[in-house]
Amino acid sequence: MSYNAYFRLYEELNDYLPASKRKMTFGLFLKGPTTINEAICSLGVPPEEVDLVLVNGESVPFEHIIAEGDRISIYPIFESLDISNVTRLRDKPLIKLAKDLKSIHLERS
């Protein structure tokens, strides 16, 4: 079963895309059941740089299977907006993980 889904990447994640797909919604042809993680990797985007994925407006984890016609928004790290109650990718948003790592490093210094 082959189908199309529609993607939009935000901010610095656009740097991984060809110029013709930056800052716009584009179709991606999928050849069978595909997870969000697989699609992100196929676009050349490192999953560790993704902080939030919305499918048809709902937050989903990397393991979510994409359906035909899904509209997928992919966001990088949020530096000034707390998305703890929204993100489904990790236990904590990337900015909080980075702060935790920094404090651990400082404690060891």
N, C-alpha and C. Protein backbone atom coordinates (compact mmCIF):
# COMPACT_ATOMS: atom_id res chain seq x y z
N MET A 1 0.84 -1.18 0.00
CA MET A 1 0.00 0.00 0.00
C MET A 1 0.89 1.25 0.00
N SER A 2 0.80 2.04 -1.02
CA SER A 2 1.55 3.30 -1.11
C SER A 2 0.60 4.46 -0.92
N TYR A 3 1.10 5.52 -0.34
CA TYR A 3 0.25 6.68 -0.08
C TYR A 3 1.10 7.92 0.16
N ASN A 4 0.44 9.07 0.20
CA ASN A 4 1.10 10.35 0.47
C ASN A 4 0.72 10.86 1.85
N ALA A 5 1.68 11.51 2.49
CA ALA A 5 1.45 12.27 3.71
C ALA A 5 2.09 13.64 3.47
N TYR A 6 1.69 14.61 4.25
CA TYR A 6 2.12 15.99 4.02
C TYR A 6 2.89 16.51 5.23
N PHE A 7 4.08 17.02 4.97
CA PHE A 7 5.00 17.43 6.01
C PHE A 7 5.29 18.91 5.97
N ARG A 8 5.56 19.46 7.15
CA ARG A 8 6.05 20.84 7.28
C ARG A 8 7.06 20.83 8.42
N LEU A 9 8.28 21.27 8.13
CA LEU A 9 9.32 21.38 9.13
C LEU A 9 9.49 22.84 9.50
N TYR A 10 9.84 23.09 10.76
CA TYR A 10 9.93 24.45 11.25
C TYR A 10 11.35 24.82 11.67
N GLU A 11 11.60 26.11 11.53
CA GLU A 11 12.85 26.76 11.93
C GLU A 11 14.08 26.03 11.40
N GLU A 12 15.06 25.76 12.27
CA GLU A 12 16.33 25.23 11.80
C GLU A 12 16.25 23.83 11.21
N LEU A 13 15.15 23.12 11.42
CA LEU A 13 15.00 21.81 10.79
C LEU A 13 14.92 21.93 9.27
N ASN A 14 14.53 23.08 8.78
CA ASN A 14 14.49 23.32 7.33
C ASN A 14 15.87 23.21 6.69
N ASP A 15 16.92 23.40 7.47
CA ASP A 15 18.28 23.32 6.93
C ASP A 15 18.61 21.93 6.37
N TYR A 16 17.88 20.92 6.81
CA TYR A 16 18.12 19.56 6.33
C TYR A 16 17.40 19.26 5.01
N LEU A 17 16.54 20.15 4.59
CA LEU A 17 15.74 19.94 3.38
C LEU A 17 16.33 20.64 2.17
N PRO A 18 16.02 20.15 0.97
CA PRO A 18 16.38 20.91 -0.23
C PRO A 18 15.61 22.24 -0.22
N ALA A 19 16.16 23.24 -0.83
CA ALA A 19 15.55 24.58 -0.84
C ALA A 19 14.10 24.56 -1.30
N SER A 20 13.76 23.67 -2.21
CA SER A 20 12.40 23.62 -2.76
C SER A 20 11.36 23.14 -1.75
N LYS A 21 11.78 22.59 -0.61
CA LYS A 21 10.84 22.08 0.39
C LYS A 21 10.88 22.85 1.70
N ARG A 22 11.71 23.87 1.78
CA ARG A 22 11.85 24.63 3.02
C ARG A 22 10.68 25.57 3.25
N LYS A 23 10.26 25.66 4.52
CA LYS A 23 9.24 26.61 4.97
C LYS A 23 7.93 26.48 4.22
N MET A 24 7.59 25.24 3.85
CA MET A 24 6.32 25.00 3.16
C MET A 24 5.88 23.57 3.41
N THR A 25 4.61 23.30 3.17
CA THR A 25 4.09 21.94 3.25
C THR A 25 4.42 21.22 1.95
N PHE A 26 4.90 19.99 2.07
CA PHE A 26 5.23 19.20 0.88
C PHE A 26 4.76 17.76 1.08
N GLY A 27 4.45 17.10 -0.02
CA GLY A 27 4.02 15.72 0.02
C GLY A 27 5.21 14.78 0.06
N LEU A 28 5.04 13.67 0.77
CA LEU A 28 6.06 12.63 0.81
C LEU A 28 5.37 11.31 0.49
N PHE A 29 5.86 10.63 -0.53
CA PHE A 29 5.31 9.35 -0.96
C PHE A 29 5.87 8.25 -0.07
N LEU A 30 4.99 7.51 0.58
CA LEU A 30 5.39 6.43 1.48
C LEU A 30 4.99 5.10 0.87
N LYS A 31 5.88 4.12 0.93
CA LYS A 31 5.65 2.84 0.25
C LYS A 31 5.01 1.77 1.11
N GLY A 32 4.58 2.11 2.28
CA GLY A 32 3.96 1.14 3.18
C GLY A 32 3.90 1.74 4.57
N PRO A 33 3.50 0.94 5.56
CA PRO A 33 3.44 1.46 6.92
C PRO A 33 4.77 2.09 7.32
N THR A 34 4.71 3.35 7.72
CA THR A 34 5.92 4.12 8.04
C THR A 34 5.70 4.85 9.36
N THR A 35 6.69 4.77 10.25
CA THR A 35 6.60 5.50 11.52
C THR A 35 7.07 6.94 11.32
N ILE A 36 6.73 7.77 12.26
CA ILE A 36 7.22 9.15 12.26
C ILE A 36 8.74 9.15 12.24
N ASN A 37 9.36 8.31 13.08
CA ASN A 37 10.82 8.26 13.14
C ASN A 37 11.42 7.89 11.79
N GLU A 38 10.86 6.89 11.11
CA GLU A 38 11.37 6.49 9.80
C GLU A 38 11.25 7.62 8.78
N ALA A 39 10.12 8.32 8.81
CA ALA A 39 9.92 9.43 7.87
C ALA A 39 10.90 10.57 8.14
N ILE A 40 11.08 10.90 9.42
CA ILE A 40 12.02 11.97 9.78
C ILE A 40 13.43 11.61 9.30
N CYS A 41 13.84 10.38 9.55
CA CYS A 41 15.17 9.94 9.11
C CYS A 41 15.29 9.96 7.59
N SER A 42 14.23 9.59 6.89
CA SER A 42 14.28 9.59 5.41
C SER A 42 14.44 11.01 4.86
N LEU A 43 14.04 12.00 5.64
CA LEU A 43 14.20 13.40 5.23
C LEU A 43 15.60 13.93 5.58
N GLY A 44 16.39 13.11 6.27
CA GLY A 44 17.73 13.53 6.66
C GLY A 44 17.79 14.31 7.95
N VAL A 45 16.70 14.31 8.70
CA VAL A 45 16.64 15.05 9.96
C VAL A 45 16.99 14.11 11.11
N PRO A 46 17.97 14.47 11.94
CA PRO A 46 18.29 13.64 13.11
C PRO A 46 17.14 13.71 14.13
N PRO A 47 16.57 12.58 14.52
CA PRO A 47 15.45 12.59 15.47
C PRO A 47 15.78 13.30 16.79
N GLU A 48 17.05 13.27 17.19
CA GLU A 48 17.42 13.91 18.45
C GLU A 48 17.31 15.43 18.39
N GLU A 49 17.09 16.00 17.21
CA GLU A 49 16.89 17.44 17.09
C GLU A 49 15.41 17.82 17.01
N VAL A 50 14.54 16.83 17.08
CA VAL A 50 13.09 17.05 17.00
C VAL A 50 12.52 17.04 18.42
N ASP A 51 11.75 18.08 18.75
CA ASP A 51 11.19 18.20 20.10
C ASP A 51 9.69 17.95 20.14
N LEU A 52 9.02 18.13 19.01
CA LEU A 52 7.56 17.97 18.98
C LEU A 52 7.13 17.58 17.58
N VAL A 53 6.22 16.60 17.50
CA VAL A 53 5.62 16.20 16.23
C VAL A 53 4.11 16.22 16.41
N LEU A 54 3.44 16.94 15.53
CA LEU A 54 1.98 16.97 15.51
C LEU A 54 1.49 16.29 14.24
N VAL A 55 0.54 15.39 14.39
CA VAL A 55 -0.11 14.76 13.25
C VAL A 55 -1.57 15.17 13.30
N ASN A 56 -1.99 15.90 12.28
CA ASN A 56 -3.35 16.43 12.23
C ASN A 56 -3.69 17.19 13.52
N GLY A 57 -2.69 17.92 14.04
CA GLY A 57 -2.89 18.76 15.22
C GLY A 57 -2.72 18.07 16.55
N GLU A 58 -2.44 16.77 16.57
CA GLU A 58 -2.29 16.02 17.82
C GLU A 58 -0.83 15.60 18.01
N SER A 59 -0.32 15.76 19.22
CA SER A 59 1.04 15.34 19.53
C SER A 59 1.14 13.82 19.50
N VAL A 60 2.20 13.31 18.87
CA VAL A 60 2.39 11.86 18.74
C VAL A 60 3.84 11.48 19.06
N PRO A 61 4.08 10.19 19.40
CA PRO A 61 5.44 9.71 19.62
C PRO A 61 6.11 9.32 18.30
N PHE A 62 7.39 9.05 18.35
CA PHE A 62 8.14 8.64 17.16
C PHE A 62 7.59 7.35 16.54
N GLU A 63 6.98 6.49 17.35
CA GLU A 63 6.50 5.19 16.88
C GLU A 63 5.16 5.27 16.15
N HIS A 64 4.54 6.44 16.13
CA HIS A 64 3.24 6.61 15.48
C HIS A 64 3.33 6.22 14.00
N ILE A 65 2.36 5.42 13.54
CA ILE A 65 2.31 5.01 12.13
C ILE A 65 1.54 6.08 11.35
N ILE A 66 2.12 6.55 10.28
CA ILE A 66 1.53 7.60 9.44
C ILE A 66 0.44 7.00 8.56
N ALA A 67 -0.69 7.69 8.48
CA ALA A 67 -1.81 7.26 7.63
C ALA A 67 -1.86 8.13 6.38
N GLU A 68 -2.54 7.63 5.38
CA GLU A 68 -2.69 8.37 4.13
C GLU A 68 -3.32 9.73 4.39
N GLY A 69 -2.70 10.77 3.83
CA GLY A 69 -3.24 12.12 3.94
C GLY A 69 -2.91 12.84 5.23
N ASP A 70 -2.21 12.19 6.15
CA ASP A 70 -1.85 12.87 7.41
C ASP A 70 -1.07 14.14 7.12
N ARG A 71 -1.31 15.14 7.97
CA ARG A 71 -0.58 16.41 7.90
C ARG A 71 0.32 16.45 9.13
N ILE A 72 1.62 16.47 8.88
CA ILE A 72 2.61 16.29 9.94
C ILE A 72 3.47 17.54 10.08
N SER A 73 3.50 18.08 11.29
CA SER A 73 4.31 19.26 11.61
C SER A 73 5.44 18.81 12.53
N ILE A 74 6.67 19.18 12.18
CA ILE A 74 7.85 18.74 12.92
C ILE A 74 8.59 19.98 13.43
N TYR A 75 8.78 20.02 14.76
CA TYR A 75 9.36 21.20 15.41
C TYR A 75 10.69 20.87 16.08
N PRO A 76 11.62 21.84 16.05
CA PRO A 76 12.90 21.67 16.77
C PRO A 76 12.71 22.02 18.24
N ILE A 77 13.82 22.14 18.94
CA ILE A 77 13.81 22.47 20.36
C ILE A 77 13.09 23.81 20.61
N PHE A 78 12.25 23.82 21.64
CA PHE A 78 11.57 25.04 22.06
C PHE A 78 12.39 25.63 23.20
N GLU A 79 12.91 26.83 23.01
CA GLU A 79 13.77 27.42 24.02
C GLU A 79 13.03 28.27 25.04
N SER A 80 11.91 28.86 24.67
CA SER A 80 11.21 29.74 25.61
C SER A 80 9.77 29.33 25.88
N LEU A 81 9.33 28.24 25.31
CA LEU A 81 7.96 27.77 25.50
C LEU A 81 8.02 26.39 26.15
N ASP A 82 7.32 26.22 27.26
CA ASP A 82 7.31 24.93 27.95
C ASP A 82 6.29 24.01 27.29
N ILE A 83 6.79 22.93 26.68
CA ILE A 83 5.90 21.99 25.99
C ILE A 83 5.80 20.66 26.74
N SER A 84 6.14 20.67 28.03
CA SER A 84 6.13 19.45 28.83
C SER A 84 4.81 18.70 28.77
N ASN A 85 3.71 19.43 28.78
CA ASN A 85 2.40 18.78 28.79
C ASN A 85 1.90 18.43 27.39
N VAL A 86 2.70 18.71 26.37
CA VAL A 86 2.27 18.46 24.99
C VAL A 86 3.10 17.39 24.30
N THR A 87 4.42 17.43 24.45
CA THR A 87 5.28 16.53 23.68
C THR A 87 5.10 15.07 24.08
N ARG A 88 5.16 14.18 23.10
CA ARG A 88 5.02 12.74 23.33
C ARG A 88 6.27 11.99 22.87
N LEU A 89 7.34 12.72 22.58
CA LEU A 89 8.55 12.10 22.05
C LEU A 89 9.48 11.59 23.15
N ARG A 90 9.54 12.31 24.26
CA ARG A 90 10.44 11.98 25.37
C ARG A 90 9.74 12.29 26.69
N ASP A 91 10.37 11.87 27.78
CA ASP A 91 9.83 12.20 29.10
C ASP A 91 9.89 13.70 29.38
N LYS A 92 10.92 14.36 28.84
CA LYS A 92 11.10 15.80 29.02
C LYS A 92 11.42 16.43 27.68
N PRO A 93 11.01 17.68 27.46
CA PRO A 93 11.41 18.40 26.25
C PRO A 93 12.94 18.55 26.21
N LEU A 94 13.49 18.71 25.03
CA LEU A 94 14.94 18.81 24.86
C LEU A 94 15.57 19.92 25.69
N ILE A 95 14.92 21.07 25.82
CA ILE A 95 15.51 22.18 26.57
C ILE A 95 15.70 21.79 28.03
N LYS A 96 14.74 21.04 28.59
CA LYS A 96 14.88 20.61 29.99
C LYS A 96 15.97 19.56 30.13
N LEU A 97 16.08 18.67 29.15
CA LEU A 97 17.16 17.68 29.19
C LEU A 97 18.52 18.37 29.12
N ALA A 98 18.63 19.38 28.26
CA ALA A 98 19.89 20.12 28.14
C ALA A 98 20.24 20.82 29.45
N LYS A 99 19.25 21.42 30.10
CA LYS A 99 19.50 22.09 31.38
C LYS A 99 19.92 21.08 32.45
N ASP A 100 19.27 19.91 32.46
CA ASP A 100 19.64 18.86 33.41
C ASP A 100 21.08 18.42 33.20
N LEU A 101 21.47 18.21 31.94
CA LEU A 101 22.84 17.80 31.64
C LEU A 101 23.84 18.87 32.05
N LYS A 102 23.49 20.12 31.82
CA LYS A 102 24.39 21.22 32.19
C LYS A 102 24.58 21.26 33.70
N SER A 103 23.50 21.09 34.47
CA SER A 103 23.62 21.14 35.93
C SER A 103 24.42 19.95 36.45
N ILE A 104 24.25 18.77 35.84
CA ILE A 104 25.04 17.60 36.23
C ILE A 104 26.52 17.86 35.96
N HIS A 105 26.81 18.43 34.80
CA HIS A 105 28.20 18.74 34.45
C HIS A 105 28.80 19.74 35.44
N LEU A 106 28.04 20.76 35.80
CA LEU A 106 28.54 21.77 36.73
C LEU A 106 28.76 21.18 38.12
N GLU A 107 27.89 20.25 38.53
CA GLU A 107 28.05 19.60 39.83
C GLU A 107 29.33 18.78 39.89
N ARG A 108 29.71 18.19 38.76
CA ARG A 108 30.91 17.35 38.70
C ARG A 108 32.19 18.17 38.59
N SER A 109 32.06 19.43 38.20
CA SER A 109 33.25 20.28 38.01
C SER A 109 33.81 20.76 39.33
